[in-house]
Each structure stands twice: as structure tokens, then as C-alpha cells.
């Protein structure tokens, strides 16, 4: 039976069925719009009647909190603009403080931070390794730092704070 139908008849049937389906949908669901197209009378009142209806107030107006006032933007108080000079003076003070502090005291304070980090840790080898890395980072200040004095201050600081004992002999190869 299907062999007796040609492709042309098949495509024509599909096109006719498709057109009739869409024509039915348009006529069924868009009757008012089609009627308005053919009637030349403007019926804009029906279209916009819902928009032009009076507004129904469900809530009251917003009441500001106690102590809150609304002012115009012209009446807002602003402070004077500060010049950039105080910021420059702060940076200059920081630079002079960096210049005034010697690398030896910086090394001791950084070692103090490392000691504080190892208060609860009982690993002497790791502590000495990290302290060696810290000391080697100050190698560029080799001429300005009195290394034996700085290391003796580190040993003094570590006596009460660490679980293990640190001696000057532990730092033999730190600067070399």
C-alpha cells in the first residue's frame, strides 16, 4: 500500500495537515485578535482597561524609623578634603623608621617570631633549619650584622619559650 503513494503526494499531505493544524490553533486561541484586525474600530479601551483601573493600595506608606530623617542632597554635610601631604609624611616616617632600625634587631625580632611559632612544637631540627633559612636571608646585610651577638640573643630568648634547648654550637654553619 505504501509503495503506491509517491513522495509528492506524501509531502502534499504533510503540508496540508500542518497548515490545517496551525489554522485551527490560530482560529481557536486568537479569535479576539483576528476580529480586531478586520474591524476598523479602535478598541484600545478594552486592551488598556486593566492598566487604567484605579490603583488598589494593599499596604500603607512606609514610615521611617525613629530618629531617621530624610534630607535633600544639598543639605548633606561633608568634611573638607585632606591634602595628600599627611599620607606622604606617613610613608616618609615609615621609611625613616626602616632606615633607623638595624638589620641585627630585625633578625632577632624575626627569630623571636619563629620561636613563638615553635612554643608547642618539639622538633629541634626543623626549628634549626628554619632559623638557618632566616639567617641566610639576612646575608646581604653581612657587614652590618654582628651575627654572634644576634645569635646569642636568640639563644637567650629561646631558653624559656621552647621545649628543647638551643645552644650557640647549633648555629655553626648558618652564615658560611
N, C-alpha and C. Protein backbone atom coordinates (compact mmCIF):
# COMPACT_ATOMS: atom_id res chain seq x y z
N UNK A 1 0.82 -1.20 0.00
CA UNK A 1 0.00 0.00 0.00
C UNK A 1 0.86 1.26 0.00
N UNK A 2 1.91 1.28 0.81
CA UNK A 2 2.76 2.47 0.85
C UNK A 2 3.56 2.64 -0.44
N UNK A 3 3.77 1.61 -1.15
CA UNK A 3 4.52 1.72 -2.40
C UNK A 3 3.71 2.44 -3.48
N UNK A 4 2.40 2.50 -3.35
CA UNK A 4 1.57 3.17 -4.34
C UNK A 4 1.51 4.68 -4.11
N UNK A 5 2.00 5.18 -2.93
CA UNK A 5 1.99 6.63 -2.64
C UNK A 5 3.33 7.20 -3.05
N UNK A 6 3.30 8.28 -3.83
CA UNK A 6 4.54 8.92 -4.26
C UNK A 6 4.99 9.94 -3.21
N UNK A 7 6.23 10.32 -3.35
CA UNK A 7 6.76 11.32 -2.41
C UNK A 7 6.02 12.65 -2.55
N UNK A 8 5.62 13.00 -3.69
CA UNK A 8 4.89 14.25 -3.90
C UNK A 8 3.56 14.23 -3.16
N UNK A 9 2.84 13.11 -3.27
CA UNK A 9 1.57 13.01 -2.55
C UNK A 9 1.79 13.04 -1.04
N UNK A 10 2.86 12.37 -0.60
CA UNK A 10 3.17 12.33 0.84
C UNK A 10 3.47 13.73 1.36
N UNK A 11 4.33 14.47 0.69
CA UNK A 11 4.69 15.83 1.12
C UNK A 11 3.49 16.77 1.06
N UNK A 12 2.64 16.62 0.06
CA UNK A 12 1.44 17.45 -0.04
C UNK A 12 0.52 17.17 1.14
N UNK A 13 0.37 15.91 1.51
CA UNK A 13 -0.48 15.56 2.65
C UNK A 13 0.08 16.13 3.94
N UNK A 14 1.39 16.05 4.12
CA UNK A 14 2.02 16.58 5.34
C UNK A 14 1.84 18.09 5.40
N UNK A 15 2.04 18.79 4.32
CA UNK A 15 1.87 20.25 4.29
C UNK A 15 0.43 20.62 4.59
N UNK A 16 -0.54 19.93 3.97
CA UNK A 16 -1.97 20.23 4.20
C UNK A 16 -2.35 19.98 5.65
N UNK A 17 -1.89 18.89 6.23
CA UNK A 17 -2.21 18.60 7.64
C UNK A 17 -1.58 19.64 8.55
N UNK A 18 -0.34 20.03 8.27
CA UNK A 18 0.34 21.03 9.11
C UNK A 18 -0.35 22.37 9.03
N UNK A 19 -0.70 22.81 7.84
CA UNK A 19 -1.39 24.10 7.68
C UNK A 19 -2.75 24.07 8.36
N UNK A 20 -3.47 22.99 8.21
CA UNK A 20 -4.80 22.92 8.84
C UNK A 20 -4.67 22.92 10.37
N UNK A 21 -3.63 22.28 10.90
CA UNK A 21 -3.42 22.27 12.36
C UNK A 21 -3.14 23.68 12.87
N UNK A 22 -2.22 24.39 12.26
CA UNK A 22 -1.91 25.75 12.71
C UNK A 22 -3.07 26.70 12.47
N UNK A 23 -3.84 26.53 11.42
CA UNK A 23 -5.01 27.35 11.17
C UNK A 23 -6.04 27.14 12.27
N UNK A 24 -6.24 25.88 12.69
CA UNK A 24 -7.15 25.59 13.79
C UNK A 24 -6.68 26.26 15.08
N UNK A 25 -5.37 26.17 15.40
CA UNK A 25 -4.84 26.78 16.63
C UNK A 25 -5.03 28.29 16.59
N UNK A 26 -4.75 28.91 15.47
CA UNK A 26 -4.89 30.37 15.37
C UNK A 26 -6.35 30.78 15.53
N UNK A 27 -7.25 30.10 14.85
CA UNK A 27 -8.66 30.46 14.95
C UNK A 27 -9.22 30.17 16.34
N UNK A 28 -8.75 29.14 16.98
CA UNK A 28 -9.29 28.75 18.29
C UNK A 28 -8.82 29.70 19.39
N UNK A 29 -7.52 30.02 19.43
CA UNK A 29 -6.96 30.75 20.55
C UNK A 29 -6.75 32.25 20.30
N UNK A 30 -6.86 32.71 19.09
CA UNK A 30 -6.65 34.13 18.79
C UNK A 30 -7.87 34.74 18.10
N UNK A 31 -9.07 34.42 18.57
CA UNK A 31 -10.29 34.93 17.95
C UNK A 31 -10.41 36.44 18.10
N UNK A 32 -10.13 36.99 19.30
CA UNK A 32 -10.28 38.44 19.50
C UNK A 32 -9.31 39.22 18.65
N UNK A 33 -8.07 38.76 18.59
CA UNK A 33 -7.06 39.49 17.81
C UNK A 33 -7.41 39.49 16.31
N UNK A 34 -7.91 38.37 15.83
CA UNK A 34 -8.30 38.31 14.42
C UNK A 34 -9.52 39.19 14.17
N UNK A 35 -10.45 39.19 15.10
CA UNK A 35 -11.62 40.06 14.96
C UNK A 35 -11.23 41.53 14.97
N UNK A 36 -10.25 41.89 15.80
CA UNK A 36 -9.78 43.29 15.85
C UNK A 36 -9.04 43.68 14.58
N UNK A 37 -8.40 42.74 13.93
CA UNK A 37 -7.72 43.05 12.67
C UNK A 37 -8.71 43.45 11.59
N UNK A 38 -9.86 42.76 11.54
CA UNK A 38 -10.84 43.03 10.48
C UNK A 38 -11.78 44.17 10.83
N UNK A 39 -11.97 44.45 12.10
CA UNK A 39 -12.79 45.60 12.49
C UNK A 39 -11.90 46.83 12.55
N UNK A 40 -12.31 47.86 11.87
CA UNK A 40 -11.52 49.08 11.81
C UNK A 40 -11.76 49.97 13.02
N UNK A 41 -12.68 49.62 13.89
CA UNK A 41 -12.95 50.43 15.07
C UNK A 41 -11.84 50.22 16.09
N UNK A 42 -11.28 51.32 16.61
CA UNK A 42 -10.25 51.14 17.65
C UNK A 42 -10.88 50.71 18.96
N UNK A 43 -10.44 49.62 19.48
CA UNK A 43 -10.94 49.13 20.75
C UNK A 43 -9.81 49.12 21.78
N UNK A 44 -9.07 50.20 21.83
CA UNK A 44 -7.95 50.32 22.75
C UNK A 44 -8.40 50.38 24.20
N UNK A 45 -9.64 50.81 24.41
CA UNK A 45 -10.13 50.91 25.78
C UNK A 45 -10.19 49.53 26.42
N UNK A 46 -10.55 48.50 25.64
CA UNK A 46 -10.61 47.15 26.19
C UNK A 46 -9.21 46.61 26.49
N UNK A 47 -8.26 46.95 25.65
CA UNK A 47 -6.91 46.43 25.82
C UNK A 47 -6.25 47.04 27.05
N UNK A 48 -6.44 48.37 27.24
CA UNK A 48 -5.77 49.07 28.33
C UNK A 48 -6.67 49.28 29.55
N UNK A 49 -7.82 48.68 29.59
CA UNK A 49 -8.72 48.91 30.70
C UNK A 49 -8.14 48.40 32.01
N UNK A 50 -7.43 47.32 31.98
CA UNK A 50 -6.83 46.79 33.21
C UNK A 50 -5.73 47.71 33.71
N UNK A 51 -5.02 48.33 32.82
CA UNK A 51 -3.94 49.24 33.22
C UNK A 51 -4.51 50.54 33.77
N UNK A 52 -5.63 51.02 33.24
CA UNK A 52 -6.19 52.29 33.65
C UNK A 52 -7.10 52.18 34.86
N UNK A 53 -7.24 51.01 35.41
CA UNK A 53 -8.10 50.87 36.59
C UNK A 53 -7.43 51.54 37.78
N UNK A 54 -8.23 51.97 38.76
CA UNK A 54 -7.64 52.66 39.91
C UNK A 54 -6.72 51.72 40.68
N UNK A 55 -5.68 52.31 41.25
CA UNK A 55 -4.68 51.54 41.97
C UNK A 55 -5.25 51.14 43.32
N UNK A 56 -5.13 49.88 43.63
CA UNK A 56 -5.60 49.37 44.92
C UNK A 56 -4.40 49.32 45.86
N UNK A 57 -4.53 49.98 46.99
CA UNK A 57 -3.43 50.04 47.95
C UNK A 57 -3.58 48.90 48.94
N UNK A 58 -2.66 47.96 48.90
CA UNK A 58 -2.70 46.82 49.80
C UNK A 58 -1.98 47.17 51.10
N UNK A 59 -0.89 47.89 51.00
CA UNK A 59 -0.09 48.27 52.18
C UNK A 59 -0.16 49.77 52.37
N UNK A 60 0.13 50.20 53.57
CA UNK A 60 0.21 51.63 53.85
C UNK A 60 1.55 52.16 53.41
N UNK A 61 1.76 53.45 53.61
CA UNK A 61 3.03 54.05 53.23
C UNK A 61 4.11 53.67 54.22
N UNK A 62 5.34 53.68 53.73
CA UNK A 62 6.47 53.31 54.59
C UNK A 62 6.71 54.42 55.59
N UNK A 63 6.90 54.04 56.83
CA UNK A 63 7.16 55.00 57.90
C UNK A 63 8.63 54.88 58.29
N UNK A 64 9.36 55.98 58.29
CA UNK A 64 10.78 55.89 58.66
C UNK A 64 10.94 55.55 60.14
N UNK A 65 12.05 54.92 60.47
CA UNK A 65 12.34 54.57 61.86
C UNK A 65 12.51 55.82 62.70
N UNK A 66 12.38 55.63 63.99
CA UNK A 66 12.57 56.76 64.91
C UNK A 66 14.01 57.26 64.82
N UNK A 67 14.17 58.55 64.74
CA UNK A 67 15.49 59.15 64.67
C UNK A 67 16.04 59.26 63.27
N UNK A 68 15.34 58.74 62.26
CA UNK A 68 15.80 58.80 60.88
C UNK A 68 15.10 59.96 60.20
N UNK A 69 15.89 60.81 59.57
CA UNK A 69 15.32 61.93 58.84
C UNK A 69 15.77 61.87 57.39
N UNK A 70 14.96 62.41 56.52
CA UNK A 70 15.28 62.46 55.11
C UNK A 70 15.59 63.91 54.77
N UNK A 71 16.76 64.12 54.16
CA UNK A 71 17.16 65.48 53.79
C UNK A 71 17.51 65.51 52.32
N UNK A 72 17.56 66.70 51.80
CA UNK A 72 17.94 66.90 50.41
C UNK A 72 19.45 66.74 50.27
N UNK A 73 19.90 66.41 49.07
CA UNK A 73 21.33 66.19 48.86
C UNK A 73 22.13 67.47 49.04
N UNK A 74 21.51 68.62 48.84
CA UNK A 74 22.23 69.87 49.02
C UNK A 74 22.56 70.12 50.48
N UNK A 75 21.79 69.55 51.39
CA UNK A 75 21.97 69.81 52.81
C UNK A 75 22.86 68.78 53.51
N UNK A 76 23.41 67.82 52.77
CA UNK A 76 24.24 66.79 53.39
C UNK A 76 25.57 67.38 53.82
N UNK A 77 26.00 67.12 55.04
CA UNK A 77 27.29 67.66 55.50
C UNK A 77 28.45 66.79 55.01
N UNK A 78 29.48 67.43 54.50
CA UNK A 78 30.69 66.75 54.06
C UNK A 78 31.88 67.39 54.75
N UNK A 79 32.94 66.62 54.95
CA UNK A 79 34.15 67.17 55.55
C UNK A 79 35.04 67.74 54.47
N UNK A 80 35.99 68.53 54.89
CA UNK A 80 36.93 69.10 53.94
C UNK A 80 37.84 68.00 53.41
N UNK A 81 38.27 68.18 52.19
CA UNK A 81 39.16 67.21 51.58
C UNK A 81 40.55 67.42 52.15
N UNK A 82 41.16 66.32 52.60
CA UNK A 82 42.51 66.42 53.16
C UNK A 82 43.52 66.32 52.03
N UNK A 83 44.57 67.11 52.10
CA UNK A 83 45.59 67.03 51.05
C UNK A 83 46.39 65.73 51.18
N UNK A 84 47.16 65.44 50.15
CA UNK A 84 47.95 64.21 50.13
C UNK A 84 49.19 64.26 51.01
N UNK A 85 49.50 65.43 51.56
CA UNK A 85 50.72 65.58 52.35
C UNK A 85 50.77 64.67 53.57
N UNK A 86 49.69 64.49 54.36
CA UNK A 86 49.82 63.61 55.52
C UNK A 86 50.16 62.17 55.14
N UNK A 87 49.65 61.70 54.02
CA UNK A 87 49.96 60.34 53.59
C UNK A 87 51.44 60.25 53.23
N UNK A 88 51.94 61.28 52.55
CA UNK A 88 53.35 61.28 52.20
C UNK A 88 54.22 61.32 53.45
N UNK A 89 53.81 62.09 54.46
CA UNK A 89 54.61 62.16 55.66
C UNK A 89 54.60 60.83 56.41
N UNK A 90 53.48 60.10 56.36
CA UNK A 90 53.42 58.79 57.00
C UNK A 90 54.38 57.83 56.30
N UNK A 91 54.38 57.84 54.97
CA UNK A 91 55.30 56.95 54.25
C UNK A 91 56.75 57.34 54.50
N UNK A 92 57.01 58.64 54.59
CA UNK A 92 58.37 59.07 54.90
C UNK A 92 58.78 58.62 56.30
N UNK A 93 57.84 58.68 57.27
CA UNK A 93 58.14 58.22 58.62
C UNK A 93 58.43 56.73 58.63
N UNK A 94 57.66 55.97 57.84
CA UNK A 94 57.91 54.54 57.78
C UNK A 94 59.27 54.24 57.17
N UNK A 95 59.64 54.99 56.13
CA UNK A 95 60.93 54.78 55.51
C UNK A 95 62.07 55.12 56.45
N UNK A 96 61.93 56.23 57.19
CA UNK A 96 62.97 56.59 58.13
C UNK A 96 63.05 55.59 59.28
N UNK A 97 61.91 55.03 59.69
CA UNK A 97 61.92 54.01 60.73
C UNK A 97 62.62 52.76 60.23
N UNK A 98 62.41 52.41 58.95
CA UNK A 98 63.10 51.26 58.38
C UNK A 98 64.60 51.50 58.29
N UNK A 99 64.98 52.72 57.97
CA UNK A 99 66.39 53.06 57.87
C UNK A 99 67.04 53.03 59.25
N UNK A 100 66.31 53.56 60.25
CA UNK A 100 66.86 53.64 61.59
C UNK A 100 67.00 52.27 62.25
N UNK A 101 66.11 51.33 61.97
CA UNK A 101 66.21 50.00 62.59
C UNK A 101 67.30 49.22 61.89
N UNK A 102 68.18 48.64 62.68
CA UNK A 102 69.30 47.92 62.07
C UNK A 102 68.89 46.49 61.75
N UNK A 103 69.56 45.87 60.82
CA UNK A 103 69.20 44.51 60.42
C UNK A 103 69.40 43.49 61.54
N UNK A 104 70.30 43.78 62.46
CA UNK A 104 70.53 42.84 63.56
C UNK A 104 69.30 42.72 64.44
N UNK A 105 68.69 43.86 64.78
CA UNK A 105 67.47 43.80 65.61
C UNK A 105 66.31 43.20 64.83
N UNK A 106 66.26 43.44 63.52
CA UNK A 106 65.21 42.81 62.70
C UNK A 106 65.38 41.30 62.69
N UNK A 107 66.62 40.83 62.59
CA UNK A 107 66.89 39.40 62.60
C UNK A 107 66.46 38.79 63.93
N UNK A 108 66.74 39.46 65.02
CA UNK A 108 66.38 38.95 66.33
C UNK A 108 64.86 38.93 66.49
N UNK A 109 64.17 39.97 66.03
CA UNK A 109 62.71 40.00 66.16
C UNK A 109 62.06 38.92 65.29
N UNK A 110 62.59 38.70 64.07
CA UNK A 110 62.06 37.62 63.22
C UNK A 110 62.33 36.26 63.86
N UNK A 111 63.49 36.09 64.46
CA UNK A 111 63.78 34.84 65.16
C UNK A 111 62.84 34.68 66.35
N UNK A 112 62.50 35.79 67.03
CA UNK A 112 61.53 35.74 68.12
C UNK A 112 60.18 35.26 67.64
N UNK A 113 59.77 35.71 66.45
CA UNK A 113 58.50 35.23 65.87
C UNK A 113 58.57 33.73 65.59
N UNK A 114 59.72 33.28 65.10
CA UNK A 114 59.89 31.86 64.83
C UNK A 114 59.86 31.06 66.13
N UNK A 115 60.47 31.60 67.17
CA UNK A 115 60.44 30.94 68.48
C UNK A 115 59.01 30.86 69.00
N UNK A 116 58.25 31.93 68.84
CA UNK A 116 56.84 31.91 69.26
C UNK A 116 56.04 30.86 68.50
N UNK A 117 56.39 30.65 67.24
CA UNK A 117 55.68 29.66 66.44
C UNK A 117 56.02 28.24 66.90
N UNK A 118 57.21 28.04 67.48
CA UNK A 118 57.64 26.71 67.91
C UNK A 118 57.46 26.49 69.40
N UNK A 119 56.61 27.27 70.07
CA UNK A 119 56.39 27.10 71.51
C UNK A 119 55.90 25.70 71.84
N UNK A 120 54.95 25.20 71.08
CA UNK A 120 54.32 23.92 71.37
C UNK A 120 54.85 22.78 70.53
N UNK A 121 55.83 23.04 69.68
CA UNK A 121 56.36 22.02 68.79
C UNK A 121 57.71 21.54 69.34
N UNK A 122 57.88 20.24 69.42
CA UNK A 122 59.13 19.68 69.96
C UNK A 122 59.94 19.07 68.81
N UNK A 123 60.37 19.94 67.87
CA UNK A 123 61.15 19.49 66.73
C UNK A 123 62.33 20.44 66.55
N UNK A 124 63.43 20.11 67.18
CA UNK A 124 64.61 20.99 67.18
C UNK A 124 65.21 21.11 65.79
N UNK A 125 65.29 20.00 65.05
CA UNK A 125 65.91 20.02 63.74
C UNK A 125 65.17 20.94 62.78
N UNK A 126 63.86 20.88 62.79
CA UNK A 126 63.06 21.75 61.92
C UNK A 126 63.24 23.21 62.31
N UNK A 127 63.29 23.48 63.61
CA UNK A 127 63.50 24.84 64.08
C UNK A 127 64.84 25.37 63.60
N UNK A 128 65.90 24.55 63.74
CA UNK A 128 67.24 24.99 63.31
C UNK A 128 67.29 25.18 61.81
N UNK A 129 66.60 24.35 61.06
CA UNK A 129 66.56 24.52 59.60
C UNK A 129 65.90 25.83 59.22
N UNK A 130 64.75 26.12 59.83
CA UNK A 130 64.05 27.37 59.52
C UNK A 130 64.84 28.59 59.98
N UNK A 131 65.51 28.48 61.13
CA UNK A 131 66.33 29.59 61.60
C UNK A 131 67.53 29.81 60.68
N UNK A 132 68.07 28.71 60.14
CA UNK A 132 69.16 28.83 59.16
C UNK A 132 68.70 29.54 57.90
N UNK A 133 67.50 29.25 57.45
CA UNK A 133 66.94 29.93 56.27
C UNK A 133 66.74 31.41 56.57
N UNK A 134 66.26 31.72 57.76
CA UNK A 134 66.06 33.11 58.16
C UNK A 134 67.38 33.85 58.20
N UNK A 135 68.38 33.26 58.79
CA UNK A 135 69.70 33.91 58.88
C UNK A 135 70.29 34.09 57.49
N UNK A 136 70.12 33.11 56.62
CA UNK A 136 70.68 33.25 55.27
C UNK A 136 69.96 34.32 54.46
N UNK A 137 68.71 34.63 54.81
CA UNK A 137 68.02 35.71 54.10
C UNK A 137 68.58 37.07 54.47
N UNK A 138 69.29 37.17 55.60
CA UNK A 138 69.93 38.42 56.02
C UNK A 138 71.40 38.45 55.61
N UNK A 139 71.81 37.59 54.71
CA UNK A 139 73.21 37.52 54.30
C UNK A 139 73.65 38.78 53.57
N UNK A 140 72.75 39.46 52.93
CA UNK A 140 73.11 40.70 52.22
C UNK A 140 73.51 41.81 53.19
N UNK A 141 73.11 41.68 54.46
CA UNK A 141 73.49 42.65 55.49
C UNK A 141 74.66 42.13 56.33
N UNK A 142 75.47 41.27 55.75
CA UNK A 142 76.53 40.58 56.45
C UNK A 142 77.48 41.54 57.14
N UNK A 143 77.77 42.66 56.52
CA UNK A 143 78.72 43.62 57.10
C UNK A 143 78.09 44.42 58.24
N UNK A 144 76.77 44.56 58.25
CA UNK A 144 76.10 45.38 59.27
C UNK A 144 75.68 44.57 60.48
N UNK A 145 75.60 43.27 60.37
CA UNK A 145 75.10 42.43 61.46
C UNK A 145 76.26 41.80 62.21
N UNK A 146 76.19 41.90 63.53
CA UNK A 146 77.10 41.16 64.40
C UNK A 146 76.41 39.83 64.69
N UNK A 147 76.72 38.81 63.88
CA UNK A 147 75.99 37.56 63.93
C UNK A 147 76.13 36.83 65.26
N UNK A 148 77.33 36.72 65.86
CA UNK A 148 77.40 36.01 67.15
C UNK A 148 76.56 36.68 68.23
N UNK A 149 76.53 38.02 68.27
CA UNK A 149 75.72 38.72 69.27
C UNK A 149 74.23 38.49 69.01
N UNK A 150 73.81 38.52 67.75
CA UNK A 150 72.41 38.31 67.42
C UNK A 150 71.99 36.88 67.76
N UNK A 151 72.84 35.91 67.46
CA UNK A 151 72.51 34.52 67.76
C UNK A 151 72.49 34.26 69.27
N UNK A 152 73.36 34.94 70.02
CA UNK A 152 73.32 34.77 71.48
C UNK A 152 72.02 35.34 72.04
N UNK A 153 71.52 36.44 71.47
CA UNK A 153 70.23 36.98 71.91
C UNK A 153 69.10 36.02 71.56
N UNK A 154 69.19 35.35 70.40
CA UNK A 154 68.18 34.35 70.01
C UNK A 154 68.20 33.19 71.00
N UNK A 155 69.40 32.74 71.42
CA UNK A 155 69.51 31.65 72.39
C UNK A 155 68.89 32.06 73.72
N UNK A 156 69.12 33.30 74.14
CA UNK A 156 68.54 33.78 75.40
C UNK A 156 67.02 33.82 75.33
N UNK A 157 66.49 34.26 74.22
CA UNK A 157 65.03 34.33 74.06
C UNK A 157 64.43 32.92 74.06
N UNK A 158 65.14 31.98 73.46
CA UNK A 158 64.59 30.64 73.31
C UNK A 158 64.66 29.80 74.57
N UNK A 159 65.44 30.21 75.57
CA UNK A 159 65.61 29.40 76.78
C UNK A 159 64.29 29.10 77.47
N UNK A 160 63.45 30.09 77.68
CA UNK A 160 62.21 29.90 78.42
C UNK A 160 61.03 29.50 77.54
N UNK A 161 61.13 29.73 76.25
CA UNK A 161 59.95 29.57 75.41
C UNK A 161 59.88 28.22 74.69
N UNK A 162 61.00 27.59 74.41
CA UNK A 162 60.99 26.36 73.63
C UNK A 162 61.03 25.14 74.53
N UNK A 163 60.54 24.01 74.03
CA UNK A 163 60.55 22.76 74.78
C UNK A 163 61.93 22.10 74.74
N UNK A 164 62.76 22.48 73.80
CA UNK A 164 64.11 21.93 73.67
C UNK A 164 65.12 23.04 73.90
N UNK A 165 66.35 22.65 74.16
CA UNK A 165 67.40 23.65 74.42
C UNK A 165 68.16 23.93 73.13
N UNK A 166 68.54 25.18 72.97
CA UNK A 166 69.29 25.61 71.81
C UNK A 166 70.58 26.23 72.33
N UNK A 167 71.70 25.85 71.72
CA UNK A 167 73.00 26.39 72.11
C UNK A 167 73.63 27.07 70.91
N UNK A 168 74.65 27.89 71.18
CA UNK A 168 75.35 28.57 70.09
C UNK A 168 76.05 27.58 69.17
N UNK A 169 76.41 26.45 69.69
CA UNK A 169 77.09 25.44 68.86
C UNK A 169 76.16 24.87 67.79
N UNK A 170 74.85 24.99 67.97
CA UNK A 170 73.90 24.52 66.96
C UNK A 170 73.90 25.39 65.71
N UNK A 171 74.44 26.60 65.82
CA UNK A 171 74.41 27.55 64.69
C UNK A 171 75.76 27.66 64.00
N UNK A 172 76.58 26.64 63.99
CA UNK A 172 77.95 26.73 63.47
C UNK A 172 77.97 27.06 61.97
N UNK A 173 77.11 26.45 61.18
CA UNK A 173 77.18 26.59 59.73
C UNK A 173 76.08 27.50 59.18
N UNK A 174 75.56 28.41 59.98
CA UNK A 174 74.44 29.22 59.50
C UNK A 174 74.86 30.31 58.53
N UNK A 175 76.02 30.93 58.72
CA UNK A 175 76.39 32.07 57.87
C UNK A 175 77.32 31.67 56.74
N UNK A 176 78.00 30.62 56.83
CA UNK A 176 79.03 30.24 55.85
C UNK A 176 78.50 29.90 54.51
